Protein backbone atom coordinates (compact mmCIF):
# COMPACT_ATOMS: atom_id res chain seq x y z
CA MET A 1 206.23 -38.55 -100.69
CA LYS A 2 204.43 -41.85 -101.02
CA LEU A 3 204.50 -44.79 -98.62
CA LEU A 4 203.45 -48.33 -99.53
CA ILE A 5 202.62 -50.44 -96.48
CA PHE A 6 202.50 -54.21 -96.69
CA GLY A 7 200.03 -55.19 -93.98
CA MET A 8 197.88 -52.28 -92.83
CA GLY A 9 197.46 -53.37 -89.22
CA TYR A 10 197.14 -51.90 -85.74
CA THR A 11 200.55 -50.22 -85.68
CA SER A 12 200.95 -49.38 -89.35
CA LYS A 13 197.59 -47.57 -89.37
CA VAL A 14 198.95 -45.16 -86.75
CA ILE A 15 202.07 -44.58 -88.87
CA ALA A 16 199.87 -44.01 -91.92
CA ALA A 17 197.66 -41.51 -90.09
CA ARG A 18 200.66 -39.47 -88.95
CA LEU A 19 202.16 -39.33 -92.42
CA ARG A 20 198.88 -38.50 -94.13
CA ALA A 21 198.48 -35.61 -91.71
CA ALA A 22 201.90 -34.42 -92.89
CA GLY A 23 200.80 -34.52 -96.53
CA TRP A 24 202.03 -37.96 -97.56
CA GLU A 25 200.16 -40.33 -99.83
CA VAL A 26 199.87 -43.73 -98.15
CA VAL A 27 198.52 -46.95 -99.65
CA GLY A 28 198.57 -50.41 -98.13
CA THR A 29 197.63 -54.04 -98.46
CA GLY A 30 195.39 -56.01 -96.11
CA ARG A 31 191.86 -55.76 -94.78
CA GLU A 32 192.45 -52.18 -93.65
CA GLY A 33 194.33 -51.20 -96.79
CA THR A 34 193.38 -50.20 -100.31
CA LEU A 35 195.23 -52.97 -102.14
CA ARG A 36 194.87 -56.75 -102.19
CA PHE A 37 198.17 -58.46 -101.47
CA ASP A 38 197.54 -60.97 -104.25
CA ASP A 39 196.67 -58.30 -106.84
CA ARG A 40 200.15 -58.41 -108.24
CA ASP A 41 199.69 -55.78 -110.93
CA ALA A 42 198.27 -53.26 -108.46
CA VAL A 43 200.97 -53.93 -105.88
CA LEU A 44 203.77 -53.69 -108.43
CA SER A 45 202.31 -50.43 -109.70
CA ALA A 46 202.19 -49.02 -106.17
CA LEU A 47 205.73 -50.24 -105.54
CA ALA A 48 206.97 -48.51 -108.70
CA GLY A 49 205.58 -45.20 -107.46
CA ALA A 50 206.54 -45.42 -103.77
CA SER A 51 209.34 -43.36 -102.26
CA HIS A 52 209.16 -45.42 -99.05
CA VAL A 53 208.07 -49.01 -98.31
CA LEU A 54 207.18 -50.53 -94.94
CA SER A 55 206.26 -54.13 -94.13
CA SER A 56 204.43 -55.12 -90.97
CA VAL A 57 203.56 -58.62 -92.25
CA PRO A 58 204.68 -61.38 -89.86
CA PRO A 59 206.42 -64.52 -91.11
CA ALA A 60 204.31 -67.45 -92.21
CA ARG A 61 203.65 -70.19 -89.66
CA GLU A 62 205.57 -72.65 -91.79
CA GLY A 63 208.44 -70.21 -92.23
CA GLY A 64 209.36 -67.69 -94.88
CA ASP A 65 208.37 -64.06 -95.23
CA PRO A 66 205.25 -63.58 -97.40
CA VAL A 67 206.33 -60.17 -98.69
CA LEU A 68 209.86 -61.21 -99.59
CA ASP A 69 208.64 -64.48 -101.05
CA SER A 70 206.12 -62.72 -103.31
CA TYR A 71 207.74 -59.35 -103.98
CA GLY A 72 211.37 -59.60 -102.89
CA GLU A 73 212.79 -59.30 -106.40
CA ALA A 74 210.55 -56.33 -107.16
CA LEU A 75 211.52 -54.69 -103.85
CA PHE A 76 215.19 -55.09 -104.65
CA GLY A 77 214.68 -53.28 -107.96
CA ALA A 78 212.16 -50.71 -106.68
CA PRO A 79 212.98 -46.97 -106.81
CA ALA A 80 212.11 -46.44 -103.12
CA THR A 81 214.87 -44.72 -101.17
CA TRP A 82 213.79 -46.22 -97.83
CA ILE A 83 212.54 -49.66 -96.79
CA GLY A 84 211.37 -50.55 -93.29
CA TYR A 85 210.38 -53.78 -91.55
CA LEU A 86 208.55 -54.17 -88.23
CA SER A 87 210.15 -57.08 -86.41
CA SER A 88 209.98 -58.33 -82.81
CA THR A 89 212.29 -58.27 -79.82
CA GLY A 90 211.27 -61.92 -79.49
CA VAL A 91 214.23 -62.66 -81.76
CA TYR A 92 216.50 -62.24 -78.71
CA GLY A 93 215.00 -65.20 -76.86
CA ASP A 94 215.31 -65.74 -73.11
CA VAL A 95 218.26 -64.07 -71.38
CA ASP A 96 217.09 -64.50 -67.77
CA GLY A 97 216.19 -60.84 -67.35
CA ALA A 98 219.42 -59.39 -68.77
CA TRP A 99 219.57 -56.32 -71.00
CA VAL A 100 219.75 -56.84 -74.76
CA ASP A 101 220.62 -54.30 -77.43
CA GLU A 102 220.88 -54.56 -81.20
CA THR A 103 224.25 -56.34 -80.96
CA ALA A 104 222.82 -59.25 -78.92
CA GLU A 105 222.62 -62.72 -80.39
CA VAL A 106 219.33 -63.57 -82.10
CA GLY A 107 217.67 -66.85 -83.00
CA THR A 108 217.97 -68.58 -79.62
CA GLY A 109 214.30 -68.31 -78.63
CA ARG A 110 210.87 -69.44 -79.75
CA ARG A 111 210.74 -66.95 -82.63
CA SER A 112 212.82 -68.86 -85.18
CA ALA A 113 210.59 -67.87 -88.10
CA ARG A 114 210.63 -64.23 -87.01
CA THR A 115 214.41 -64.32 -86.68
CA ALA A 116 214.78 -65.74 -90.18
CA ALA A 117 212.51 -63.03 -91.58
CA ASP A 118 214.34 -60.30 -89.63
CA LEU A 119 217.68 -61.42 -91.07
CA ALA A 120 216.26 -61.83 -94.58
CA TRP A 121 215.04 -58.22 -94.59
CA GLN A 122 218.46 -57.04 -93.42
CA ASP A 123 220.04 -58.96 -96.29
CA LEU A 124 217.74 -57.42 -98.91
CA ASP A 125 219.92 -54.34 -99.45
CA ALA A 126 221.36 -51.23 -97.80
CA ARG A 127 218.08 -49.29 -97.75
CA VAL A 128 216.50 -51.45 -95.05
CA ARG A 129 215.74 -50.36 -91.49
CA VAL A 130 214.53 -53.09 -89.12
CA PHE A 131 212.53 -51.98 -86.08
CA ARG A 132 212.36 -54.59 -83.32
CA LEU A 133 209.28 -54.11 -81.17
CA PRO A 134 208.39 -55.52 -77.73
CA GLY A 135 204.83 -55.81 -76.41
CA ILE A 136 202.67 -53.22 -78.18
CA TYR A 137 199.91 -51.39 -76.35
CA GLY A 138 197.62 -48.48 -77.14
CA PRO A 139 193.95 -47.58 -77.56
CA GLY A 140 191.79 -50.70 -77.28
CA ARG A 141 194.82 -52.87 -76.57
CA SER A 142 196.19 -52.37 -73.08
CA ALA A 143 196.08 -53.55 -69.49
CA LEU A 144 193.18 -51.13 -68.95
CA ASP A 145 191.08 -53.14 -71.38
CA ARG A 146 191.96 -56.44 -69.74
CA VAL A 147 191.08 -55.12 -66.27
CA ARG A 148 187.78 -53.66 -67.54
CA GLU A 149 186.86 -56.94 -69.21
CA GLY A 150 187.88 -59.13 -66.29
CA HIS A 151 190.60 -60.85 -68.33
CA ALA A 152 193.62 -59.49 -66.45
CA LYS A 153 195.87 -61.94 -64.65
CA ARG A 154 198.71 -61.55 -62.19
CA ILE A 155 201.21 -64.40 -62.32
CA ALA A 156 203.51 -65.21 -59.39
CA LEU A 157 206.86 -65.28 -61.20
CA GLN A 158 209.58 -63.53 -59.25
CA GLY A 159 212.04 -61.56 -61.37
CA GLN A 160 209.98 -61.82 -64.57
CA VAL A 161 210.10 -58.59 -66.59
CA PHE A 162 208.97 -57.49 -70.04
CA SER A 163 209.56 -54.50 -72.27
CA ARG A 164 206.68 -52.73 -73.97
CA VAL A 165 206.02 -49.73 -76.18
CA HIS A 166 203.07 -47.44 -76.89
CA VAL A 167 201.88 -47.61 -80.49
CA GLU A 168 202.34 -43.86 -80.90
CA ASP A 169 205.98 -44.20 -79.88
CA ILE A 170 206.48 -46.86 -82.53
CA ALA A 171 205.07 -44.47 -85.12
CA SER A 172 207.38 -41.65 -84.04
CA GLY A 173 210.37 -44.03 -84.01
CA VAL A 174 209.69 -45.37 -87.50
CA ILE A 175 209.21 -41.86 -88.85
CA ALA A 176 212.44 -40.73 -87.18
CA GLY A 177 214.08 -43.70 -88.85
CA MET A 178 213.14 -42.33 -92.25
CA ASP A 179 215.88 -39.73 -91.80
CA GLY A 180 218.34 -42.04 -90.09
CA PRO A 181 220.90 -44.54 -91.32
CA ALA A 182 220.05 -48.10 -92.26
CA GLY A 183 220.29 -50.73 -89.57
CA VAL A 184 218.42 -52.35 -86.70
CA TYR A 185 216.68 -50.37 -83.96
CA ASN A 186 214.92 -51.46 -80.78
CA LEU A 187 211.86 -49.32 -80.05
CA GLY A 188 210.81 -49.90 -76.45
CA ASP A 189 210.05 -47.73 -73.46
CA ASN A 190 212.56 -46.82 -70.77
CA GLU A 191 211.42 -49.15 -67.99
CA PRO A 192 211.10 -52.89 -68.51
CA SER A 193 208.85 -54.12 -65.72
CA SER A 194 206.73 -57.00 -64.55
CA GLN A 195 203.35 -57.58 -66.11
CA ASN A 196 201.94 -57.57 -62.58
CA ALA A 197 203.05 -53.97 -62.03
CA VAL A 198 201.28 -52.91 -65.22
CA ILE A 199 198.06 -54.70 -64.26
CA GLU A 200 198.20 -53.16 -60.77
CA GLU A 201 198.62 -49.67 -62.19
CA ALA A 202 195.72 -50.19 -64.60
CA ALA A 203 193.52 -51.37 -61.74
CA ARG A 204 194.53 -48.37 -59.64
CA LEU A 205 193.64 -45.95 -62.44
CA LEU A 206 190.24 -47.61 -62.86
CA GLY A 207 189.54 -47.79 -59.14
CA ALA A 208 189.36 -51.58 -59.35
CA LEU A 209 190.86 -54.33 -57.26
CA PRO A 210 193.79 -56.06 -58.99
CA PRO A 211 193.23 -59.73 -59.79
CA PRO A 212 194.65 -62.26 -57.31
CA LEU A 213 198.12 -63.67 -57.77
CA GLN A 214 198.09 -67.07 -59.46
CA THR A 215 200.62 -69.67 -60.43
CA LEU A 216 201.04 -70.44 -64.11
CA GLU A 217 199.09 -73.64 -63.59
CA GLU A 218 196.20 -71.85 -61.85
CA ALA A 219 196.05 -69.18 -64.56
CA ALA A 220 195.36 -71.81 -67.27
CA LEU A 221 197.02 -69.68 -69.92
CA SER A 222 196.90 -70.40 -73.62
CA PRO A 223 200.00 -71.92 -75.26
CA MET A 224 200.78 -68.50 -76.77
CA ALA A 225 200.59 -66.78 -73.39
CA LEU A 226 202.67 -69.52 -71.75
CA ALA A 227 205.36 -68.99 -74.37
CA PHE A 228 205.24 -65.28 -73.60
CA TYR A 229 206.06 -65.99 -69.93
CA ALA A 230 208.82 -68.42 -70.88
CA GLU A 231 211.14 -65.57 -71.86
CA ASN A 232 212.61 -62.87 -69.62
CA ARG A 233 214.60 -59.89 -70.91
CA ARG A 234 215.09 -56.13 -70.75
CA VAL A 235 215.27 -54.39 -74.12
CA ALA A 236 217.62 -51.39 -74.42
CA ASN A 237 216.48 -48.45 -76.57
CA GLY A 238 219.68 -46.38 -76.47
CA LYS A 239 220.60 -46.76 -80.15
CA ALA A 240 217.31 -45.30 -81.40
CA LYS A 241 217.73 -42.38 -79.01
CA ARG A 242 221.35 -41.78 -79.90
CA VAL A 243 221.22 -42.30 -83.67
CA LEU A 244 217.66 -41.24 -84.55
CA GLY A 245 217.10 -38.64 -81.86
CA TRP A 246 213.97 -40.56 -80.86
CA ARG A 247 212.40 -40.06 -77.44
CA PRO A 248 209.30 -41.98 -76.37
CA ALA A 249 206.40 -39.72 -75.48
CA TYR A 250 205.39 -42.44 -72.98
CA PRO A 251 208.70 -43.37 -71.32
CA THR A 252 207.05 -45.89 -68.99
CA TYR A 253 203.77 -47.78 -68.77
CA ARG A 254 202.56 -45.29 -66.16
CA GLU A 255 202.46 -42.33 -68.56
CA GLY A 256 201.01 -44.52 -71.29
CA LEU A 257 198.21 -45.91 -69.17
CA ARG A 258 197.34 -42.51 -67.74
CA ALA A 259 197.00 -41.05 -71.21
CA LEU A 260 194.89 -43.97 -72.42
CA ASN A 261 192.65 -43.79 -69.37
CA ALA A 262 192.06 -40.10 -70.01
CA THR A 263 191.21 -40.46 -73.70
CA THR A 264 189.81 -43.94 -74.35
CA SER A 265 186.09 -44.44 -73.84
CA PRO A 266 184.86 -47.64 -72.15
CA ILE A 267 182.97 -48.57 -75.33
CA ILE A 268 186.11 -48.48 -77.44
CA ALA A 269 188.14 -50.23 -74.77
CA SER A 270 185.74 -53.13 -74.43
CA ALA A 271 185.53 -53.66 -78.19
CA ALA A 272 189.09 -54.86 -78.72
CA PRO A 273 190.61 -57.16 -76.11
CA ALA A 274 194.39 -57.21 -76.08
CA PRO A 275 196.24 -60.35 -77.14
CA ALA A 276 198.29 -61.87 -74.36
CA SER A 277 201.60 -61.25 -76.08
CA GLY A 278 200.81 -57.75 -77.35
CA ASP A 279 202.94 -58.70 -80.32
CA GLN A 280 200.65 -58.14 -83.28
CA ARG A 281 201.90 -55.54 -85.67
């Protein structure tokens, strides 16, 4: 079995490590990969020999999907039996804290380019599985790191909740999806919750005082972080459980943070601050 990954990033490296441990051959593009995205001959050669293909490349700022734009025709004609795409639950937009599943309307929020890419991958052909991911956390990229570094913030926004998922649970969900039917799957944990609750739990685990509550204005957030707080939704994961038999090893942020606190050294944690949105693939 051979997997070609477009965009060997934070999440896809975990998927690659799991599959290599199971005897797979895995190659990928990007700074962490073995192929240059613009080395067309090498990429086409890898594509011709891949049984599975996964893209974690985000859409371009100006719109369009770089992988589909450059290699869409080759992907359509490739011999791979399985094609996956890591998307974002940001495609659902703001629903004022309501639950969304894979049947919910998309394209109403700030992620118009991501929505277009998500739909374009679905339209490629019947081999495609789209995995919509909420805020991603894991080693070197969690509330523990932000508390340690003094970057954590608690924002006074009543009723604001987010969904999140541990990077290892994404890997197990994508791998489960290799034996499941084509379609769209949300991979999130079981308990959407406020960002404040996550920061407070991280502070408790570290024996630190949680940061003071602030208004959005007082927090002086970046435009990206402000956009993150502009949307409020709960992401349902029932389809992945029902259809793929997937179960998150870290069903809530509490289990995830405890495990990270037990295994992540302070040196590693301080080396990689988490982005505010947690939405890098």
